[in-house]
Amino acid sequence: CSLRLQARADSIVVAVSDADRRPPHERSPDMSNGTGGF
């Protein structure tokens, strides 16, 4: 994967690229088993 960073006067742009076309998908946070979602 790759990380690209760009500094602008009023912002920082973070770009992370990988070989998988699938977008991230949101899931409900797991409050009891600690498996993520946050």
All heavy atoms as atom14 arrays in JSON, in Angstrom:
{
  "sequence": "CSLRLQARADSIVVAVSDADRRPPHERSPDMSNGTGGF",
  "atom14_mask": [
    [1, 1, 1, 1, 1, 1, 0, 0, 0, 0, 0, 0, 0, 0],
    [1, 1, 1, 1, 1, 1, 0, 0, 0, 0, 0, 0, 0, 0],
    [1, 1, 1, 1, 1, 1, 1, 1, 0, 0, 0, 0, 0, 0],
    [1, 1, 1, 1, 1, 1, 1, 1, 1, 1, 1, 0, 0, 0],
    [1, 1, 1, 1, 1, 1, 1, 1, 0, 0, 0, 0, 0, 0],
    [1, 1, 1, 1, 1, 1, 1, 1, 1, 0, 0, 0, 0, 0],
    [1, 1, 1, 1, 1, 0, 0, 0, 0, 0, 0, 0, 0, 0],
    [1, 1, 1, 1, 1, 1, 1, 1, 1, 1, 1, 0, 0, 0],
    [1, 1, 1, 1, 1, 0, 0, 0, 0, 0, 0, 0, 0, 0],
    [1, 1, 1, 1, 1, 1, 1, 1, 0, 0, 0, 0, 0, 0],
    [1, 1, 1, 1, 1, 1, 0, 0, 0, 0, 0, 0, 0, 0],
    [1, 1, 1, 1, 1, 1, 1, 1, 0, 0, 0, 0, 0, 0],
    [1, 1, 1, 1, 1, 1, 1, 0, 0, 0, 0, 0, 0, 0],
    [1, 1, 1, 1, 1, 1, 1, 0, 0, 0, 0, 0, 0, 0],
    [1, 1, 1, 1, 1, 0, 0, 0, 0, 0, 0, 0, 0, 0],
    [1, 1, 1, 1, 1, 1, 1, 0, 0, 0, 0, 0, 0, 0],
    [1, 1, 1, 1, 1, 1, 0, 0, 0, 0, 0, 0, 0, 0],
    [1, 1, 1, 1, 1, 1, 1, 1, 0, 0, 0, 0, 0, 0],
    [1, 1, 1, 1, 1, 0, 0, 0, 0, 0, 0, 0, 0, 0],
    [1, 1, 1, 1, 1, 1, 1, 1, 0, 0, 0, 0, 0, 0],
    [1, 1, 1, 1, 1, 1, 1, 1, 1, 1, 1, 0, 0, 0],
    [1, 1, 1, 1, 1, 1, 1, 1, 1, 1, 1, 0, 0, 0],
    [1, 1, 1, 1, 1, 1, 1, 0, 0, 0, 0, 0, 0, 0],
    [1, 1, 1, 1, 1, 1, 1, 0, 0, 0, 0, 0, 0, 0],
    [1, 1, 1, 1, 1, 1, 1, 1, 1, 1, 0, 0, 0, 0],
    [1, 1, 1, 1, 1, 1, 1, 1, 1, 0, 0, 0, 0, 0],
    [1, 1, 1, 1, 1, 1, 1, 1, 1, 1, 1, 0, 0, 0],
    [1, 1, 1, 1, 1, 1, 0, 0, 0, 0, 0, 0, 0, 0],
    [1, 1, 1, 1, 1, 1, 1, 0, 0, 0, 0, 0, 0, 0],
    [1, 1, 1, 1, 1, 1, 1, 1, 0, 0, 0, 0, 0, 0],
    [1, 1, 1, 1, 1, 1, 1, 1, 0, 0, 0, 0, 0, 0],
    [1, 1, 1, 1, 1, 1, 0, 0, 0, 0, 0, 0, 0, 0],
    [1, 1, 1, 1, 1, 1, 1, 1, 0, 0, 0, 0, 0, 0],
    [1, 1, 1, 1, 0, 0, 0, 0, 0, 0, 0, 0, 0, 0],
    [1, 1, 1, 1, 1, 1, 1, 0, 0, 0, 0, 0, 0, 0],
    [1, 1, 1, 1, 0, 0, 0, 0, 0, 0, 0, 0, 0, 0],
    [1, 1, 1, 1, 0, 0, 0, 0, 0, 0, 0, 0, 0, 0],
    [1, 1, 1, 1, 1, 1, 1, 1, 1, 1, 1, 0, 0, 0]
  ],
  "atom14_positions": [
    [[0.87, -1.17, 0.0], [0.0, 0.0, 0.0], [0.91, 1.23, 0.0], [2.12, 1.1, 0.13], [-0.95, 0.0, 1.2], [-0.16, 0.06, 2.82], [0.0, 0.0, 0.0], [0.0, 0.0, 0.0], [0.0, 0.0, 0.0], [0.0, 0.0, 0.0], [0.0, 0.0, 0.0], [0.0, 0.0, 0.0], [0.0, 0.0, 0.0], [0.0, 0.0, 0.0]],
    [[0.31, 2.38, -0.16], [1.12, 3.59, -0.14], [0.4, 4.69, 0.62], [-0.82, 4.71, 0.71], [1.45, 4.06, -1.57], [0.28, 4.47, -2.23], [0.0, 0.0, 0.0], [0.0, 0.0, 0.0], [0.0, 0.0, 0.0], [0.0, 0.0, 0.0], [0.0, 0.0, 0.0], [0.0, 0.0, 0.0], [0.0, 0.0, 0.0], [0.0, 0.0, 0.0]],
    [[1.21, 5.59, 1.13], [0.73, 6.77, 1.84], [1.31, 7.98, 1.14], [2.51, 8.03, 0.86], [1.22, 6.73, 3.3], [1.09, 8.02, 4.11], [-0.38, 8.37, 4.35], [1.85, 7.89, 5.43], [0.0, 0.0, 0.0], [0.0, 0.0, 0.0], [0.0, 0.0, 0.0], [0.0, 0.0, 0.0], [0.0, 0.0, 0.0], [0.0, 0.0, 0.0]],
    [[0.45, 8.93, 0.84], [0.91, 10.21, 0.29], [0.38, 11.31, 1.2], [-0.77, 11.26, 1.63], [0.41, 10.41, -1.14], [1.15, 9.53, -2.13], [0.77, 9.82, -3.58], [-0.64, 10.06, -3.84], [-1.55, 9.1, -4.01], [-1.22, 7.83, -3.92], [-2.8, 9.42, -4.27], [0.0, 0.0, 0.0], [0.0, 0.0, 0.0], [0.0, 0.0, 0.0]],
    [[1.22, 12.26, 1.48], [0.85, 13.39, 2.32], [1.1, 14.67, 1.55], [2.09, 14.78, 0.82], [1.71, 13.41, 3.59], [1.57, 12.17, 4.47], [2.76, 12.04, 5.4], [0.27, 12.22, 5.25], [0.0, 0.0, 0.0], [0.0, 0.0, 0.0], [0.0, 0.0, 0.0], [0.0, 0.0, 0.0], [0.0, 0.0, 0.0], [0.0, 0.0, 0.0]],
    [[0.2, 15.61, 1.7], [0.37, 16.92, 1.08], [0.01, 17.98, 2.12], [-1.05, 17.9, 2.75], [-0.52, 17.09, -0.14], [-0.38, 18.45, -0.79], [-1.35, 18.67, -1.92], [-2.31, 17.94, -2.08], [-1.1, 19.69, -2.71], [0.0, 0.0, 0.0], [0.0, 0.0, 0.0], [0.0, 0.0, 0.0], [0.0, 0.0, 0.0], [0.0, 0.0, 0.0]],
    [[0.89, 18.94, 2.28], [0.62, 20.06, 3.18], [0.17, 21.25, 2.35], [0.8, 21.61, 1.36], [1.88, 20.42, 3.96], [0.0, 0.0, 0.0], [0.0, 0.0, 0.0], [0.0, 0.0, 0.0], [0.0, 0.0, 0.0], [0.0, 0.0, 0.0], [0.0, 0.0, 0.0], [0.0, 0.0, 0.0], [0.0, 0.0, 0.0], [0.0, 0.0, 0.0]],
    [[-0.93, 21.82, 2.77], [-1.43, 23.06, 2.19], [-1.44, 24.09, 3.31], [-1.27, 23.75, 4.48], [-2.84, 22.86, 1.64], [-2.9, 21.84, 0.52], [-4.31, 21.64, 0.07], [-4.38, 20.64, -1.01], [-5.49, 20.06, -1.39], [-6.64, 20.34, -0.79], [-5.48, 19.18, -2.36], [0.0, 0.0, 0.0], [0.0, 0.0, 0.0], [0.0, 0.0, 0.0]],
    [[-1.68, 25.34, 2.97], [-1.66, 26.39, 3.99], [-2.68, 26.12, 5.09], [-2.41, 26.37, 6.26], [-1.94, 27.74, 3.34], [0.0, 0.0, 0.0], [0.0, 0.0, 0.0], [0.0, 0.0, 0.0], [0.0, 0.0, 0.0], [0.0, 0.0, 0.0], [0.0, 0.0, 0.0], [0.0, 0.0, 0.0], [0.0, 0.0, 0.0], [0.0, 0.0, 0.0]],
    [[-3.85, 25.58, 4.74], [-4.91, 25.39, 5.73], [-5.3, 23.94, 5.96], [-6.27, 23.66, 6.66], [-6.15, 26.19, 5.33], [-6.8, 25.66, 4.05], [-6.14, 24.88, 3.31], [-7.96, 26.01, 3.8], [0.0, 0.0, 0.0], [0.0, 0.0, 0.0], [0.0, 0.0, 0.0], [0.0, 0.0, 0.0], [0.0, 0.0, 0.0], [0.0, 0.0, 0.0]],
    [[-4.56, 23.0, 5.37], [-4.95, 21.59, 5.52], [-3.77, 20.66, 5.26], [-2.76, 21.05, 4.68], [-6.1, 21.25, 4.56], [-5.71, 21.43, 3.22], [0.0, 0.0, 0.0], [0.0, 0.0, 0.0], [0.0, 0.0, 0.0], [0.0, 0.0, 0.0], [0.0, 0.0, 0.0], [0.0, 0.0, 0.0], [0.0, 0.0, 0.0], [0.0, 0.0, 0.0]],
    [[-3.96, 19.43, 5.7], [-3.05, 18.33, 5.38], [-3.92, 17.28, 4.68], [-4.96, 16.89, 5.2], [-2.42, 17.7, 6.64], [-1.65, 18.73, 7.47], [-1.56, 16.5, 6.26], [-0.34, 19.17, 6.89], [0.0, 0.0, 0.0], [0.0, 0.0, 0.0], [0.0, 0.0, 0.0], [0.0, 0.0, 0.0], [0.0, 0.0, 0.0], [0.0, 0.0, 0.0]],
    [[-3.48, 16.84, 3.51], [-4.21, 15.81, 2.77], [-3.47, 14.49, 2.94], [-2.27, 14.41, 2.68], [-4.33, 16.18, 1.27], [-5.09, 15.09, 0.52], [-5.01, 17.53, 1.1], [0.0, 0.0, 0.0], [0.0, 0.0, 0.0], [0.0, 0.0, 0.0], [0.0, 0.0, 0.0], [0.0, 0.0, 0.0], [0.0, 0.0, 0.0], [0.0, 0.0, 0.0]],
    [[-4.21, 13.5, 3.38], [-3.7, 12.14, 3.57], [-4.34, 11.28, 2.48], [-5.55, 11.29, 2.31], [-4.11, 11.59, 4.96], [-3.73, 10.13, 5.1], [-3.52, 12.44, 6.06], [0.0, 0.0, 0.0], [0.0, 0.0, 0.0], [0.0, 0.0, 0.0], [0.0, 0.0, 0.0], [0.0, 0.0, 0.0], [0.0, 0.0, 0.0], [0.0, 0.0, 0.0]],
    [[-3.53, 10.53, 1.73], [-4.05, 9.62, 0.71], [-3.42, 8.25, 0.92], [-2.19, 8.13, 0.93], [-3.72, 10.14, -0.69], [0.0, 0.0, 0.0], [0.0, 0.0, 0.0], [0.0, 0.0, 0.0], [0.0, 0.0, 0.0], [0.0, 0.0, 0.0], [0.0, 0.0, 0.0], [0.0, 0.0, 0.0], [0.0, 0.0, 0.0], [0.0, 0.0, 0.0]],
    [[-4.25, 7.25, 1.11], [-3.79, 5.88, 1.28], [-4.35, 5.06, 0.13], [-5.56, 5.06, -0.11], [-4.22, 5.29, 2.65], [-3.83, 3.83, 2.75], [-3.58, 6.09, 3.78], [0.0, 0.0, 0.0], [0.0, 0.0, 0.0], [0.0, 0.0, 0.0], [0.0, 0.0, 0.0], [0.0, 0.0, 0.0], [0.0, 0.0, 0.0], [0.0, 0.0, 0.0]],
    [[-3.46, 4.39, -0.59], [-3.85, 3.59, -1.75], [-3.52, 2.13, -1.52], [-2.53, 1.8, -0.86], [-3.1, 4.07, -3.0], [-3.38, 5.42, -3.27], [0.0, 0.0, 0.0], [0.0, 0.0, 0.0], [0.0, 0.0, 0.0], [0.0, 0.0, 0.0], [0.0, 0.0, 0.0], [0.0, 0.0, 0.0], [0.0, 0.0, 0.0], [0.0, 0.0, 0.0]],
    [[-4.35, 1.25, -2.1], [-4.09, -0.18, -2.06], [-4.64, -0.81, -3.33], [-5.25, -0.13, -4.15], [-4.68, -0.83, -0.79], [-6.18, -0.68, -0.68], [-6.91, -1.07, -1.63], [-6.65, -0.19, 0.36], [0.0, 0.0, 0.0], [0.0, 0.0, 0.0], [0.0, 0.0, 0.0], [0.0, 0.0, 0.0], [0.0, 0.0, 0.0], [0.0, 0.0, 0.0]],
    [[-4.42, -2.1, -3.5], [-4.78, -2.8, -4.73], [-6.21, -3.34, -4.74], [-6.61, -4.01, -5.67], [-3.8, -3.95, -4.96], [0.0, 0.0, 0.0], [0.0, 0.0, 0.0], [0.0, 0.0, 0.0], [0.0, 0.0, 0.0], [0.0, 0.0, 0.0], [0.0, 0.0, 0.0], [0.0, 0.0, 0.0], [0.0, 0.0, 0.0], [0.0, 0.0, 0.0]],
    [[-6.98, -3.04, -3.71], [-8.33, -3.56, -3.58], [-9.34, -2.49, -3.98], [-9.35, -1.4, -3.4], [-8.56, -3.99, -2.13], [-9.78, -4.85, -1.94], [-10.72, -4.76, -2.75], [-9.79, -5.62, -0.97], [0.0, 0.0, 0.0], [0.0, 0.0, 0.0], [0.0, 0.0, 0.0], [0.0, 0.0, 0.0], [0.0, 0.0, 0.0], [0.0, 0.0, 0.0]],
    [[-10.19, -2.76, -4.95], [-11.17, -1.77, -5.42], [-12.33, -1.59, -4.46], [-13.05, -0.6, -4.55], [-11.69, -2.17, -6.8], [-10.59, -2.15, -7.85], [-11.15, -2.22, -9.23], [-11.88, -0.98, -9.45], [-12.95, -0.86, -10.22], [-13.42, -1.89, -10.86], [-13.55, 0.3, -10.35], [0.0, 0.0, 0.0], [0.0, 0.0, 0.0], [0.0, 0.0, 0.0]],
    [[-12.54, -2.54, -3.54], [-13.69, -2.44, -2.63], [-13.54, -1.24, -1.7], [-12.49, -1.07, -1.08], [-13.82, -3.7, -1.78], [-14.07, -4.97, -2.57], [-14.05, -6.18, -1.67], [-12.73, -6.29, -1.04], [-12.46, -7.03, 0.03], [-13.41, -7.73, 0.61], [-11.25, -7.08, 0.53], [0.0, 0.0, 0.0], [0.0, 0.0, 0.0], [0.0, 0.0, 0.0]],
    [[-14.6, -0.43, -1.57], [-14.52, 0.71, -0.66], [-14.63, 0.24, 0.79], [-15.12, -0.87, 1.06], [-15.74, 1.55, -1.05], [-16.7, 0.55, -1.6], [-15.87, -0.5, -2.28], [0.0, 0.0, 0.0], [0.0, 0.0, 0.0], [0.0, 0.0, 0.0], [0.0, 0.0, 0.0], [0.0, 0.0, 0.0], [0.0, 0.0, 0.0], [0.0, 0.0, 0.0]],
    [[-14.21, 1.08, 1.72], [-14.41, 0.74, 3.14], [-15.9, 0.6, 3.41], [-16.71, 1.26, 2.75], [-13.85, 1.94, 3.89], [-13.12, 2.75, 2.9], [-13.61, 2.39, 1.56], [0.0, 0.0, 0.0], [0.0, 0.0, 0.0], [0.0, 0.0, 0.0], [0.0, 0.0, 0.0], [0.0, 0.0, 0.0], [0.0, 0.0, 0.0], [0.0, 0.0, 0.0]],
    [[-16.25, -0.23, 4.33], [-17.67, -0.31, 4.69], [-17.81, -0.09, 6.18], [-17.0, -0.55, 6.97], [-18.31, -1.61, 4.19], [-18.32, -2.74, 5.14], [-17.28, -3.61, 5.29], [-19.28, -3.14, 6.01], [-17.58, -4.51, 6.2], [-18.78, -4.25, 6.67], [0.0, 0.0, 0.0], [0.0, 0.0, 0.0], [0.0, 0.0, 0.0], [0.0, 0.0, 0.0]],
    [[-18.82, 0.69, 6.49], [-19.07, 1.03, 7.88], [-19.82, -0.11, 8.55], [-20.68, -0.74, 7.95], [-19.88, 2.32, 7.97], [-19.96, 2.87, 9.35], [-20.41, 4.31, 9.37], [-20.26, 5.0, 8.35], [-20.89, 4.73, 10.42], [0.0, 0.0, 0.0], [0.0, 0.0, 0.0], [0.0, 0.0, 0.0], [0.0, 0.0, 0.0], [0.0, 0.0, 0.0]],
    [[-19.46, -0.35, 9.78], [-20.18, -1.34, 10.57], [-20.4, -0.79, 11.95], [-19.74, 0.17, 12.37], [-19.43, -2.66, 10.61], [-18.05, -2.6, 11.18], [-17.31, -3.91, 10.94], [-15.96, -3.83, 11.41], [-15.52, -4.41, 12.5], [-16.33, -5.14, 13.24], [-14.27, -4.28, 12.87], [0.0, 0.0, 0.0], [0.0, 0.0, 0.0], [0.0, 0.0, 0.0]],
    [[-21.32, -1.37, 12.65], [-21.61, -0.91, 14.01], [-20.42, -1.2, 14.91], [-19.86, -2.3, 14.86], [-22.84, -1.63, 14.56], [-23.97, -1.32, 13.8], [0.0, 0.0, 0.0], [0.0, 0.0, 0.0], [0.0, 0.0, 0.0], [0.0, 0.0, 0.0], [0.0, 0.0, 0.0], [0.0, 0.0, 0.0], [0.0, 0.0, 0.0], [0.0, 0.0, 0.0]],
    [[-20.04, -0.22, 15.72], [-18.92, -0.45, 16.65], [-19.25, -1.6, 17.61], [-20.37, -1.73, 18.08], [-18.8, 0.87, 17.4], [-19.38, 1.88, 16.47], [-20.49, 1.17, 15.75], [0.0, 0.0, 0.0], [0.0, 0.0, 0.0], [0.0, 0.0, 0.0], [0.0, 0.0, 0.0], [0.0, 0.0, 0.0], [0.0, 0.0, 0.0], [0.0, 0.0, 0.0]],
    [[-18.25, -2.42, 17.86], [-18.4, -3.55, 18.76], [-18.0, -3.1, 20.16], [-16.82, -2.97, 20.46], [-17.52, -4.72, 18.3], [-17.67, -5.95, 19.15], [-18.33, -5.88, 20.21], [-17.11, -6.99, 18.77], [0.0, 0.0, 0.0], [0.0, 0.0, 0.0], [0.0, 0.0, 0.0], [0.0, 0.0, 0.0], [0.0, 0.0, 0.0], [0.0, 0.0, 0.0]],
    [[-18.99, -2.87, 20.99], [-18.75, -2.35, 22.33], [-18.36, -3.44, 23.33], [-17.84, -3.14, 24.39], [-20.0, -1.63, 22.85], [-20.45, -0.51, 21.94], [-19.23, 0.78, 21.82], [-19.78, 1.83, 23.12], [0.0, 0.0, 0.0], [0.0, 0.0, 0.0], [0.0, 0.0, 0.0], [0.0, 0.0, 0.0], [0.0, 0.0, 0.0], [0.0, 0.0, 0.0]],
    [[-18.59, -4.71, 23.0], [-18.32, -5.74, 23.99], [-17.12, -6.62, 23.66], [-16.39, -7.02, 24.56], [-19.56, -6.62, 24.18], [-19.96, -7.18, 22.94], [0.0, 0.0, 0.0], [0.0, 0.0, 0.0], [0.0, 0.0, 0.0], [0.0, 0.0, 0.0], [0.0, 0.0, 0.0], [0.0, 0.0, 0.0], [0.0, 0.0, 0.0], [0.0, 0.0, 0.0]],
    [[-16.89, -6.94, 22.4], [-15.81, -7.87, 22.05], [-14.55, -7.19, 21.52], [-13.57, -7.86, 21.24], [-16.3, -8.9, 21.03], [-17.37, -9.79, 21.61], [-17.31, -10.17, 22.77], [-18.38, -10.1, 20.8], [0.0, 0.0, 0.0], [0.0, 0.0, 0.0], [0.0, 0.0, 0.0], [0.0, 0.0, 0.0], [0.0, 0.0, 0.0], [0.0, 0.0, 0.0]],
    [[-14.6, -5.89, 21.34], [-13.42, -5.16, 20.9], [-12.93, -5.5, 19.51], [-11.73, -5.46, 19.25], [0.0, 0.0, 0.0], [0.0, 0.0, 0.0], [0.0, 0.0, 0.0], [0.0, 0.0, 0.0], [0.0, 0.0, 0.0], [0.0, 0.0, 0.0], [0.0, 0.0, 0.0], [0.0, 0.0, 0.0], [0.0, 0.0, 0.0], [0.0, 0.0, 0.0]],
    [[-13.86, -5.81, 18.6], [-13.43, -6.17, 17.24], [-13.47, -5.0, 16.27], [-13.31, -5.18, 15.08], [-14.31, -7.32, 16.69], [-15.66, -6.9, 16.65], [-14.14, -8.57, 17.53], [0.0, 0.0, 0.0], [0.0, 0.0, 0.0], [0.0, 0.0, 0.0], [0.0, 0.0, 0.0], [0.0, 0.0, 0.0], [0.0, 0.0, 0.0], [0.0, 0.0, 0.0]],
    [[-13.67, -3.81, 16.76], [-13.56, -2.64, 15.9], [-14.88, -2.01, 15.53], [-15.88, -2.17, 16.2], [0.0, 0.0, 0.0], [0.0, 0.0, 0.0], [0.0, 0.0, 0.0], [0.0, 0.0, 0.0], [0.0, 0.0, 0.0], [0.0, 0.0, 0.0], [0.0, 0.0, 0.0], [0.0, 0.0, 0.0], [0.0, 0.0, 0.0], [0.0, 0.0, 0.0]],
    [[-14.85, -1.29, 14.41], [-16.02, -0.58, 13.94], [-16.0, 0.91, 14.26], [-16.91, 1.64, 13.9], [0.0, 0.0, 0.0], [0.0, 0.0, 0.0], [0.0, 0.0, 0.0], [0.0, 0.0, 0.0], [0.0, 0.0, 0.0], [0.0, 0.0, 0.0], [0.0, 0.0, 0.0], [0.0, 0.0, 0.0], [0.0, 0.0, 0.0], [0.0, 0.0, 0.0]],
    [[-14.94, 1.37, 14.93], [-14.86, 2.78, 15.33], [-14.08, 3.64, 14.34], [-14.22, 4.84, 14.31], [-14.18, 2.9, 16.7], [-14.94, 2.23, 17.8], [-14.65, 0.92, 18.16], [-15.95, 2.89, 18.46], [-15.35, 0.3, 19.17], [-16.67, 2.28, 19.48], [-16.36, 0.97, 19.83], [0.0, 0.0, 0.0], [0.0, 0.0, 0.0], [0.0, 0.0, 0.0]]
  ]
}
